[in-house]
Amino acid sequence: MRRLLVLVFGTLGLIGLAGIIVALRQPKPIASVPLSLPDGSVVRMVAVTYGTNHVVGRPLARLIARMPDLAQDVLLRLFGTRAALLASTTTPEPKLILWLGRATNNAASPPGSGYFTAFLSDASGFISGDRADMYGWGSNPEQLQFGVIPRRDPVIAVNFFYHASTGGVSRCGSLPFANPLYGTFPHWRPEPLPATRRAGDVAVTLEKVSTGHDQNTSVRTARNDHSILEFGTNRVDGQNKTISLVQLRSLTDTNQTWLVASAEVSDATGNKARCTSFGFGSLEERYFSFEPGLWPSETAWKVRCEIKRAQGFAPGETFVFRGIPFGSLGATNEIRCRTNFGGVTVTLDRVVRRAPNTNNSWSSDDLSQAQFTTAGLSNGLHLDLLSTRTDTGTNLDCGAWSSSDSWRIYSYRNLSLSAKTVDFTFAVQRSRWVEFTVKPELGIARHEYDPARSRTNSSPERN
C-alpha cells in the first residue's frame, strides 16, 4: 500500500513538474501600446479574458492557481512573484474583460475629478454595445467588462471617453486588441419594413429601425402644423441609441391604447442584450428608443418588443388606494396599507408631503412622494400606476419615479396645499411579446406626427 501511495504521488508530482516546465517556457504576455488619458495616467492592455472564471498572470501562475491550496503555498514560496496571479475575478454570465495596467506620465499630476466611460468598436470603427465605467483607479490592473461584443472581426478596439467635472465630454483614443470571440457565423435575412405582427388581439406594426443616434432630439413644425422629430448622430459621448417607429392597435377595443414597454436585441453571432436604457415617446409620437444596440454591419438584428396596455382598462381590471391622507407640509405619513390584486401584493408604505415645486431645476427629494413595496411581479406581470387624483379633483403629474423588483417611489411637483387626500389607481396586467428581424438604418432619422392628438389624449404614468 505504501509503495502504491508513493507511486501515485510521484506520478502526480512529475505531471505537475512537467506542466511547470512547459509554463515557464511560454512567452510573457505582451502589453499593448500605451494610451495617455486626461487624468495624467497612461494605460496599456495587460490581458483579455472571456468566460465566467477570469485569471490574469503568467502561464505558470495560471497553472498553479488550478492546484490545491497546499500545493499553491509551496510553489508560491518556491517561485515567488513569477507564480503569483496579477488579478482574478468571476462573473455570473460570460463576459469579455479587458485588463488595463496603469501608470502616471507625471508624478505631479493631481488625480482627476472626472470619470471615464468605454465602449467597443468593430473593425469599421463603429462604436456600440454596452458601456463600462471607470471612477478612479481602484486596482491595477483595472478591469472593463462587456457582455455585447462584435465577433466577426479578428481585431476590435476599446474606446475611451473622459467626462470632466465641468460636464464636458472628450474622446481620448482607443486601444485595439485581438478578438477572442472572432469566428464565422451565419447571416440573418432581414424582412422588409413596415412589418406587422399580432400579439393576441393587438396588431404591432414596426415601421422603421434606425441606429447610431445621440441623446439629443430636436422638434420643428412642418407646413401642415405637424411636428417633425429629428434624431441626431453627434455621439460625442460614444453612446449609441437605437430608434424604432411603431404603431400598436387593438383589433377588438378602440378605447384601448398599447405601448412598447421594453425591448431585447440579438444577432446571428450570439449577442443578446436586454435593453437597460429604454424610452418611449408620447402615445402620439409612436416611437421607442433603447440601449445597448449592436453593430449595423450585421445583416439583421432580431428586435423583440414587450408590449402592454396604457389605456382602456375595465373597472374590474384596476384597484385603488382610496382617500390616502398626505398629512401636513414636511410630514411623512406611515400608511402600511396592503392589498393583493391579480397575484401581486402591493403595500403603500408612506407618503411625504412637500411644497409645490415650480423650479426649473429640482431633484426628486424636493417633491412630494408616495412609496410602495411590491411582491409577485414575475413572469411578465406589470404593475402600472394609471392615475393619482386628489380630493380637489386634480390629477397629479408624476414628476419622476424609480423602481426595482420590490419597491417603487412616485414623486409629484404639483400637489396643492389645499389637497387633503389622494387616490392611487393601479392596474395589473401581463405583457406580450412580438419579434421582428430587421436591418437597422444609419444616419439622421426624422419622424412626423400630429401634435393635435397630444392635446386630446392624455398619457398615463408608465412603469
Protein backbone atom coordinates (compact mmCIF):
# COMPACT_ATOMS: atom_id res chain seq x y z
CA MET A 1 0.00 0.00 0.00
CA ARG A 2 2.83 2.39 0.88
CA ARG A 3 4.54 1.72 -2.44
CA LEU A 4 1.25 2.42 -4.23
CA LEU A 5 0.85 5.80 -2.50
CA VAL A 6 4.46 6.72 -3.30
CA LEU A 7 3.87 5.76 -6.95
CA VAL A 8 0.65 7.76 -7.18
CA PHE A 9 2.05 10.91 -5.58
CA GLY A 10 5.31 10.56 -7.50
CA THR A 11 3.40 10.39 -10.77
CA LEU A 12 1.31 13.42 -9.84
CA GLY A 13 4.48 15.29 -8.92
CA LEU A 14 6.09 14.50 -12.26
CA ILE A 15 2.97 15.65 -14.11
CA GLY A 16 2.92 18.89 -12.13
CA LEU A 17 6.64 19.43 -12.72
CA ALA A 18 6.23 18.87 -16.44
CA GLY A 19 3.38 21.40 -16.52
CA ILE A 20 5.53 23.92 -14.66
CA ILE A 21 8.43 23.45 -17.08
CA VAL A 22 6.12 23.92 -20.06
CA ALA A 23 4.58 27.00 -18.45
CA LEU A 24 7.99 28.52 -17.73
CA ARG A 25 8.95 28.14 -21.39
CA GLN A 26 5.89 30.12 -22.52
CA PRO A 27 6.48 33.74 -23.54
CA LYS A 28 5.36 36.54 -21.26
CA PRO A 29 2.08 38.30 -22.11
CA ILE A 30 2.71 41.21 -24.47
CA ALA A 31 1.30 44.53 -23.30
CA SER A 32 -0.35 46.82 -25.83
CA VAL A 33 0.85 50.23 -26.92
CA PRO A 34 0.33 52.94 -24.29
CA LEU A 35 -2.54 55.41 -24.29
CA SER A 36 -2.34 58.71 -22.39
CA LEU A 37 -5.53 59.85 -20.66
CA PRO A 38 -6.54 63.36 -19.49
CA ASP A 39 -6.20 62.49 -15.79
CA GLY A 40 -2.42 62.13 -16.17
CA SER A 41 -2.43 58.34 -16.41
CA VAL A 42 -1.09 56.03 -19.11
CA VAL A 43 -2.90 52.75 -19.71
CA ARG A 44 -1.92 49.57 -21.53
CA MET A 45 -3.83 46.41 -22.28
CA VAL A 46 -2.40 43.77 -19.94
CA ALA A 47 -4.73 40.88 -20.78
CA VAL A 48 -8.04 39.95 -22.38
CA THR A 49 -10.22 37.20 -20.89
CA TYR A 50 -13.63 35.78 -21.77
CA GLY A 51 -15.92 33.49 -19.81
CA THR A 52 -17.05 33.32 -16.20
CA ASN A 53 -13.74 32.48 -14.47
CA HIS A 54 -11.09 35.10 -15.24
CA VAL A 55 -7.42 34.88 -14.20
CA VAL A 56 -4.55 37.15 -15.27
CA GLY A 57 -0.89 36.26 -14.91
CA ARG A 58 1.98 34.28 -16.36
CA PRO A 59 1.18 30.76 -17.63
CA LEU A 60 2.94 29.37 -14.54
CA ALA A 61 0.70 31.46 -12.26
CA ARG A 62 -2.43 30.35 -14.09
CA LEU A 63 -1.34 26.71 -13.80
CA ILE A 64 -0.61 26.97 -10.07
CA ALA A 65 -3.96 28.71 -9.49
CA ARG A 66 -5.71 25.48 -10.53
CA MET A 67 -3.82 23.37 -7.97
CA PRO A 68 -4.89 22.53 -4.37
CA ASP A 69 -4.21 25.21 -1.76
CA LEU A 70 -1.33 23.29 -0.13
CA ALA A 71 0.46 22.89 -3.46
CA GLN A 72 -0.10 26.56 -4.24
CA ASP A 73 1.51 27.61 -0.94
CA VAL A 74 4.60 25.50 -1.60
CA LEU A 75 5.02 26.61 -5.21
CA LEU A 76 4.45 30.28 -4.42
CA ARG A 77 7.30 30.13 -1.88
CA LEU A 78 9.45 28.30 -4.41
CA PHE A 79 8.90 30.52 -7.47
CA GLY A 80 7.98 33.83 -5.85
CA THR A 81 6.31 36.55 -7.90
CA ARG A 82 6.56 34.55 -11.12
CA ALA A 83 3.92 32.20 -9.69
CA ALA A 84 1.53 34.89 -8.41
CA LEU A 85 -1.57 35.96 -10.32
CA LEU A 86 -1.91 39.61 -11.27
CA ALA A 87 -5.69 39.53 -10.85
CA SER A 88 -8.71 37.24 -10.90
CA THR A 89 -12.49 37.50 -10.79
CA THR A 90 -15.66 35.59 -11.64
CA THR A 91 -18.76 36.76 -13.49
CA PRO A 92 -22.24 35.19 -13.27
CA GLU A 93 -22.55 35.28 -17.07
CA PRO A 94 -19.88 35.02 -19.77
CA LYS A 95 -18.18 38.41 -20.12
CA LEU A 96 -15.30 39.90 -22.06
CA ILE A 97 -12.92 41.54 -19.60
CA LEU A 98 -10.18 43.93 -20.67
CA TRP A 99 -7.45 44.27 -18.03
CA LEU A 100 -5.71 47.64 -18.04
CA GLY A 101 -2.37 48.37 -16.46
CA ARG A 102 -1.97 51.95 -15.30
CA ALA A 103 0.98 54.24 -14.72
CA THR A 104 1.34 58.02 -14.44
CA ASN A 105 3.16 60.12 -17.02
CA ASN A 106 3.71 62.90 -14.49
CA ALA A 107 4.19 62.23 -10.80
CA ALA A 108 2.97 65.74 -10.02
CA SER A 109 -0.32 65.28 -11.89
CA PRO A 110 -3.24 65.58 -9.46
CA PRO A 111 -5.87 62.85 -9.58
CA GLY A 112 -8.65 63.75 -11.98
CA SER A 113 -12.08 64.56 -10.59
CA GLY A 114 -13.90 63.30 -13.68
CA TYR A 115 -14.55 59.76 -14.81
CA PHE A 116 -14.17 57.59 -17.90
CA THR A 117 -16.57 55.53 -19.98
CA ALA A 118 -15.51 52.90 -22.50
CA PHE A 119 -17.21 51.23 -25.47
CA LEU A 120 -16.19 48.62 -28.02
CA SER A 121 -15.94 49.25 -31.76
CA ASP A 122 -15.79 46.84 -34.68
CA ALA A 123 -13.21 46.88 -37.48
CA SER A 124 -15.08 49.72 -39.23
CA GLY A 125 -14.72 51.90 -36.11
CA PHE A 126 -18.46 51.95 -35.31
CA ILE A 127 -18.95 52.28 -31.54
CA SER A 128 -21.84 50.44 -29.93
CA GLY A 129 -22.72 47.85 -27.29
CA ASP A 130 -22.79 48.23 -23.55
CA ARG A 131 -20.79 50.75 -21.54
CA ALA A 132 -18.05 50.23 -18.94
CA ASP A 133 -17.38 52.94 -16.36
CA MET A 134 -14.19 53.85 -14.53
CA TYR A 135 -14.49 56.09 -11.48
CA GLY A 136 -10.90 56.50 -10.40
CA TRP A 137 -8.48 53.60 -10.42
CA GLY A 138 -9.37 51.21 -7.62
CA SER A 139 -6.96 48.47 -8.68
CA ASN A 140 -4.06 47.80 -11.01
CA PRO A 141 -4.80 46.16 -13.37
CA GLU A 142 -8.25 47.72 -13.72
CA GLN A 143 -10.98 45.70 -15.43
CA LEU A 144 -13.57 46.71 -18.04
CA GLN A 145 -16.44 44.26 -18.53
CA PHE A 146 -18.53 43.88 -21.70
CA GLY A 147 -21.40 41.50 -22.42
CA VAL A 148 -22.04 42.54 -26.05
CA ILE A 149 -19.08 42.09 -28.40
CA PRO A 150 -18.56 42.42 -32.19
CA ARG A 151 -17.47 38.91 -33.21
CA ARG A 152 -16.86 38.93 -36.96
CA ASP A 153 -13.59 40.90 -36.88
CA PRO A 154 -10.19 39.49 -35.81
CA VAL A 155 -9.18 42.84 -34.27
CA ILE A 156 -11.53 45.20 -32.44
CA ALA A 157 -10.90 48.17 -30.15
CA VAL A 158 -11.95 49.72 -26.85
CA ASN A 159 -12.66 53.46 -27.00
CA PHE A 160 -12.30 55.85 -24.05
CA PHE A 161 -14.30 58.99 -23.24
CA TYR A 162 -13.46 61.41 -20.44
CA HIS A 163 -16.27 63.12 -18.53
CA ALA A 164 -14.85 66.19 -16.84
CA SER A 165 -16.22 67.52 -13.57
CA THR A 166 -17.36 70.61 -15.51
CA GLY A 167 -19.69 68.46 -17.63
CA GLY A 168 -17.69 68.33 -20.86
CA VAL A 169 -17.00 65.05 -22.66
CA SER A 170 -13.96 64.33 -24.82
CA ARG A 171 -12.86 61.27 -26.73
CA CYS A 172 -9.46 60.07 -25.52
CA GLY A 173 -8.48 57.48 -28.11
CA SER A 174 -8.65 53.70 -28.38
CA LEU A 175 -6.70 50.50 -27.80
CA PRO A 176 -7.01 47.72 -30.40
CA PHE A 177 -6.76 44.08 -29.34
CA ALA A 178 -7.11 40.57 -30.78
CA ASN A 179 -10.73 39.47 -30.60
CA PRO A 180 -11.02 36.21 -28.58
CA LEU A 181 -14.54 35.61 -30.00
CA TYR A 182 -13.61 36.04 -33.66
CA GLY A 183 -15.27 33.44 -35.83
CA THR A 184 -17.52 32.61 -38.76
CA PHE A 185 -21.25 32.97 -38.19
CA PRO A 186 -24.44 32.71 -40.26
CA HIS A 187 -26.16 35.75 -41.73
CA TRP A 188 -29.79 36.50 -40.96
CA ARG A 189 -32.10 37.78 -43.69
CA PRO A 190 -34.00 40.95 -42.76
CA GLU A 191 -37.69 41.41 -43.51
CA PRO A 192 -38.98 44.48 -45.37
CA LEU A 193 -40.48 47.27 -43.27
CA PRO A 194 -43.13 48.16 -42.36
CA ALA A 195 -43.94 44.72 -40.94
CA THR A 196 -46.88 43.71 -38.74
CA ARG A 197 -47.15 41.07 -36.01
CA ARG A 198 -50.15 40.08 -33.93
CA ALA A 199 -49.96 39.65 -30.16
CA GLY A 200 -53.37 38.27 -29.32
CA ASP A 201 -55.88 40.94 -30.33
CA VAL A 202 -53.22 43.64 -30.81
CA ALA A 203 -51.57 44.44 -34.15
CA VAL A 204 -48.00 45.72 -33.83
CA THR A 205 -46.50 47.43 -36.91
CA LEU A 206 -42.80 48.22 -36.92
CA GLU A 207 -42.21 50.98 -39.46
CA LYS A 208 -38.53 51.79 -39.11
CA VAL A 209 -35.40 50.98 -37.07
CA SER A 210 -32.50 53.44 -37.09
CA THR A 211 -29.29 53.31 -35.04
CA GLY A 212 -26.24 55.48 -34.41
CA HIS A 213 -28.14 58.26 -32.60
CA ASP A 214 -27.09 60.59 -29.80
CA GLN A 215 -29.10 61.67 -26.76
CA ASN A 216 -30.47 64.85 -28.38
CA THR A 217 -33.81 65.06 -30.15
CA SER A 218 -34.96 68.25 -31.88
CA VAL A 219 -38.51 69.24 -32.84
CA ARG A 220 -39.63 71.56 -35.62
CA THR A 221 -43.00 72.42 -37.14
CA ALA A 222 -43.94 71.35 -40.66
CA ARG A 223 -46.21 73.30 -43.04
CA ASN A 224 -49.27 71.24 -42.17
CA ASP A 225 -48.88 72.08 -38.45
CA HIS A 226 -47.46 68.65 -37.83
CA SER A 227 -44.30 68.25 -35.76
CA ILE A 228 -41.12 66.65 -37.02
CA LEU A 229 -38.83 64.87 -34.58
CA GLU A 230 -35.20 64.68 -35.66
CA PHE A 231 -32.80 62.22 -34.04
CA GLY A 232 -29.20 63.34 -34.39
CA THR A 233 -25.95 61.40 -34.80
CA ASN A 234 -23.40 63.60 -32.99
CA ARG A 235 -22.35 60.97 -30.45
CA VAL A 236 -19.73 62.92 -28.54
CA ASP A 237 -20.00 60.57 -25.54
CA GLY A 238 -19.90 57.34 -27.56
CA GLN A 239 -23.35 56.13 -26.53
CA ASN A 240 -25.41 54.60 -29.32
CA LYS A 241 -29.19 54.95 -29.17
CA THR A 242 -31.49 52.99 -31.48
CA ILE A 243 -34.84 54.49 -32.55
CA SER A 244 -37.82 52.38 -33.63
CA LEU A 245 -41.04 53.80 -35.09
CA VAL A 246 -44.02 51.64 -34.15
CA GLN A 247 -47.82 51.58 -34.24
CA LEU A 248 -49.95 49.44 -31.91
CA ARG A 249 -53.67 48.93 -32.47
CA SER A 250 -56.24 46.87 -30.60
CA LEU A 251 -58.32 44.81 -33.04
CA THR A 252 -61.24 44.44 -30.63
CA ASP A 253 -61.48 47.58 -28.45
CA THR A 254 -60.91 51.06 -29.83
CA ASN A 255 -60.74 52.50 -26.29
CA GLN A 256 -57.53 50.62 -25.61
CA THR A 257 -54.09 52.15 -26.12
CA TRP A 258 -50.97 49.97 -26.13
CA LEU A 259 -47.29 50.81 -25.96
CA VAL A 260 -43.90 49.10 -26.08
CA ALA A 261 -42.67 48.53 -22.51
CA SER A 262 -39.18 47.11 -23.17
CA ALA A 263 -37.04 45.54 -25.86
CA GLU A 264 -34.42 42.86 -26.42
CA VAL A 265 -31.98 42.77 -29.31
CA SER A 266 -29.86 39.91 -30.69
CA ASP A 267 -27.76 39.00 -33.72
CA ALA A 268 -26.55 35.89 -35.55
CA THR A 269 -23.15 35.90 -33.77
CA GLY A 270 -24.66 35.14 -30.36
CA ASN A 271 -25.02 38.64 -28.95
CA LYS A 272 -28.21 39.13 -26.92
CA ALA A 273 -28.99 42.18 -24.81
CA ARG A 274 -31.99 43.09 -22.68
CA CYS A 275 -32.09 46.82 -23.09
CA THR A 276 -31.18 48.54 -19.82
CA SER A 277 -31.89 52.06 -21.07
CA PHE A 278 -35.34 52.34 -22.61
CA GLY A 279 -37.53 55.27 -23.57
CA PHE A 280 -40.94 55.73 -25.14
CA GLY A 281 -42.16 58.89 -26.83
CA SER A 282 -45.71 60.08 -26.25
CA LEU A 283 -48.54 57.84 -27.38
CA GLU A 284 -48.90 60.14 -30.39
CA GLU A 285 -45.22 60.22 -31.32
CA ARG A 286 -45.20 56.40 -31.56
CA TYR A 287 -41.52 55.66 -31.18
CA PHE A 288 -39.33 53.87 -28.67
CA SER A 289 -35.58 54.01 -28.11
CA PHE A 290 -33.19 51.60 -26.46
CA GLU A 291 -29.59 50.92 -25.45
CA PRO A 292 -27.37 48.99 -25.82
CA GLY A 293 -27.51 48.43 -29.54
CA LEU A 294 -25.45 46.06 -31.66
CA TRP A 295 -23.37 46.73 -34.78
CA PRO A 296 -25.06 47.79 -38.04
CA SER A 297 -22.56 45.78 -40.09
CA GLU A 298 -24.74 42.77 -39.22
CA THR A 299 -27.16 41.85 -42.00
CA ALA A 300 -30.02 41.85 -39.49
CA TRP A 301 -30.97 42.15 -35.84
CA LYS A 302 -33.80 40.44 -34.07
CA VAL A 303 -35.75 43.03 -32.09
CA ARG A 304 -38.17 41.61 -29.50
CA CYS A 305 -40.74 44.09 -28.22
CA GLU A 306 -42.61 43.68 -24.95
CA ILE A 307 -45.99 45.40 -25.17
CA LYS A 308 -48.57 46.32 -22.54
CA ARG A 309 -51.77 48.35 -22.28
CA ALA A 310 -51.62 52.04 -21.37
CA GLN A 311 -55.31 52.99 -21.54
CA GLY A 312 -58.71 51.33 -21.75
CA PHE A 313 -58.89 49.24 -18.58
CA ALA A 314 -62.28 47.98 -17.39
CA PRO A 315 -63.24 48.68 -13.73
CA GLY A 316 -62.58 45.06 -12.72
CA GLU A 317 -59.01 45.33 -14.04
CA THR A 318 -57.93 48.09 -11.65
CA PHE A 319 -57.69 48.71 -7.91
CA VAL A 320 -57.49 51.89 -5.86
CA PHE A 321 -55.78 53.03 -2.66
CA ARG A 322 -58.55 55.46 -1.79
CA GLY A 323 -58.61 58.52 0.48
CA ILE A 324 -54.96 58.41 1.50
CA PRO A 325 -54.08 61.41 3.73
CA PHE A 326 -50.97 63.29 2.65
CA GLY A 327 -50.67 64.98 6.03
CA SER A 328 -49.12 68.33 6.88
CA LEU A 329 -46.36 70.09 4.99
CA GLY A 330 -42.97 68.48 5.59
CA ALA A 331 -44.50 65.46 7.34
CA THR A 332 -44.16 61.76 6.50
CA ASN A 333 -47.32 59.68 6.96
CA GLU A 334 -46.71 55.99 7.63
CA ILE A 335 -49.65 54.25 5.92
CA ARG A 336 -48.87 50.50 5.73
CA CYS A 337 -51.94 49.78 3.60
CA ARG A 338 -51.73 46.47 1.72
CA THR A 339 -53.73 44.70 -0.97
CA ASN A 340 -53.35 41.70 -3.28
CA PHE A 341 -54.64 42.04 -6.81
CA GLY A 342 -54.11 39.61 -9.68
CA GLY A 343 -51.43 37.73 -7.73
CA VAL A 344 -49.43 40.87 -6.96
CA THR A 345 -49.10 42.20 -3.40
CA VAL A 346 -48.82 45.99 -3.17
CA THR A 347 -48.17 47.90 0.05
CA LEU A 348 -48.47 51.67 0.32
CA ASP A 349 -45.78 52.28 2.93
CA ARG A 350 -45.72 56.05 3.34
CA VAL A 351 -46.42 59.40 1.74
CA VAL A 352 -44.29 62.52 2.10
CA ARG A 353 -45.73 66.00 1.62
CA ARG A 354 -43.63 68.89 0.36
CA ALA A 355 -44.49 72.30 -1.05
CA PRO A 356 -45.41 72.57 -4.76
CA ASN A 357 -42.25 72.93 -6.83
CA THR A 358 -42.07 75.27 -9.82
CA ASN A 359 -38.29 75.48 -10.17
CA ASN A 360 -36.71 74.64 -13.50
CA SER A 361 -34.11 72.57 -11.68
CA TRP A 362 -35.11 70.09 -8.99
CA SER A 363 -34.43 66.64 -7.57
CA SER A 364 -36.97 64.02 -6.54
CA ASP A 365 -36.07 64.68 -2.89
CA ASP A 366 -37.61 68.15 -3.28
CA LEU A 367 -41.01 66.70 -4.26
CA SER A 368 -43.99 65.08 -2.59
CA GLN A 369 -43.67 61.30 -2.74
CA ALA A 370 -45.57 58.05 -2.40
CA GLN A 371 -43.53 54.94 -1.58
CA PHE A 372 -44.71 51.38 -2.26
CA THR A 373 -43.33 47.87 -1.86
CA THR A 374 -44.38 45.01 -4.15
CA ALA A 375 -44.20 41.23 -4.38
CA GLY A 376 -45.22 38.77 -7.09
CA LEU A 377 -44.13 40.78 -10.14
CA SER A 378 -42.72 37.93 -12.24
CA ASN A 379 -43.45 36.03 -15.46
CA GLY A 380 -44.37 39.18 -17.34
CA LEU A 381 -46.69 40.70 -14.73
CA HIS A 382 -46.65 44.51 -14.63
CA LEU A 383 -47.97 46.94 -12.03
CA ASP A 384 -48.94 50.27 -13.63
CA LEU A 385 -49.99 53.46 -11.88
CA LEU A 386 -52.83 54.83 -14.01
CA SER A 387 -53.71 57.99 -12.10
CA THR A 388 -53.11 59.97 -8.91
CA ARG A 389 -56.18 62.12 -8.10
CA THR A 390 -56.64 64.45 -5.11
CA ASP A 391 -59.87 65.27 -3.29
CA THR A 392 -59.79 68.66 -5.06
CA GLY A 393 -60.25 66.86 -8.40
CA THR A 394 -56.68 67.41 -9.61
CA ASN A 395 -54.81 64.66 -11.42
CA LEU A 396 -51.20 64.86 -10.25
CA ASP A 397 -48.42 64.65 -12.82
CA CYS A 398 -45.69 62.21 -11.83
CA GLY A 399 -42.55 64.36 -12.00
CA ALA A 400 -40.20 61.40 -11.51
CA TRP A 401 -40.34 57.79 -10.46
CA SER A 402 -37.92 54.99 -9.65
CA SER A 403 -38.43 51.29 -9.06
CA SER A 404 -36.95 47.84 -8.58
CA ASP A 405 -38.45 44.35 -8.43
CA SER A 406 -39.64 45.00 -4.87
CA TRP A 407 -40.26 48.76 -4.46
CA ARG A 408 -41.20 51.93 -6.29
CA ILE A 409 -41.34 55.64 -5.50
CA TYR A 410 -43.51 58.21 -7.29
CA SER A 411 -42.71 61.93 -6.97
CA TYR A 412 -45.08 64.86 -7.60
CA ARG A 413 -44.37 68.55 -8.22
CA ASN A 414 -47.92 69.93 -8.25
CA LEU A 415 -49.56 68.68 -5.03
CA SER A 416 -51.70 71.62 -3.96
CA LEU A 417 -51.57 72.85 -0.35
CA SER A 418 -55.38 72.65 -0.28
CA ALA A 419 -55.49 68.93 -1.11
CA LYS A 420 -56.19 66.69 1.89
CA THR A 421 -56.38 63.18 0.47
CA VAL A 422 -55.38 61.34 -2.70
CA ASP A 423 -56.46 58.22 -4.62
CA PHE A 424 -53.88 55.99 -6.35
CA THR A 425 -55.34 53.86 -9.17
CA PHE A 426 -53.32 50.86 -10.40
CA ALA A 427 -53.69 48.08 -12.95
CA VAL A 428 -52.02 44.67 -13.01
CA GLN A 429 -51.50 43.11 -16.43
CA ARG A 430 -49.42 40.50 -18.19
CA SER A 431 -47.31 41.73 -21.07
CA ARG A 432 -46.99 40.20 -24.54
CA TRP A 433 -44.03 39.84 -26.90
CA VAL A 434 -43.54 40.22 -30.65
CA GLU A 435 -40.35 39.80 -32.68
CA PHE A 436 -39.04 41.33 -35.91
CA THR A 437 -35.89 40.60 -37.95
CA VAL A 438 -34.67 43.93 -39.33
CA LYS A 439 -31.72 45.71 -40.88
CA PRO A 440 -31.19 49.00 -38.97
CA GLU A 441 -30.65 52.18 -40.95
CA LEU A 442 -27.86 54.68 -40.31
CA GLY A 443 -27.91 58.46 -40.41
CA ILE A 444 -30.20 61.22 -39.15
CA ALA A 445 -33.75 59.92 -38.66
CA ARG A 446 -36.91 62.03 -38.91
CA HIS A 447 -40.43 61.27 -37.77
CA GLU A 448 -43.54 63.37 -38.46
CA TYR A 449 -46.63 63.27 -36.25
CA ASP A 450 -49.73 65.33 -35.44
CA PRO A 451 -49.33 67.16 -32.10
CA ALA A 452 -53.06 67.98 -32.05
CA ARG A 453 -53.67 64.41 -30.96
CA SER A 454 -51.43 65.07 -27.93
CA ARG A 455 -53.84 67.76 -26.77
CA THR A 456 -56.86 65.46 -26.96
CA ASN A 457 -55.29 62.37 -25.42
CA SER A 458 -53.67 62.07 -22.01
CA SER A 459 -50.71 59.78 -21.42
CA PRO A 460 -50.82 57.62 -18.28
CA GLU A 461 -47.93 57.30 -15.90
CA ARG A 462 -45.84 54.39 -17.14
CA ASN A 463 -43.57 51.94 -15.34
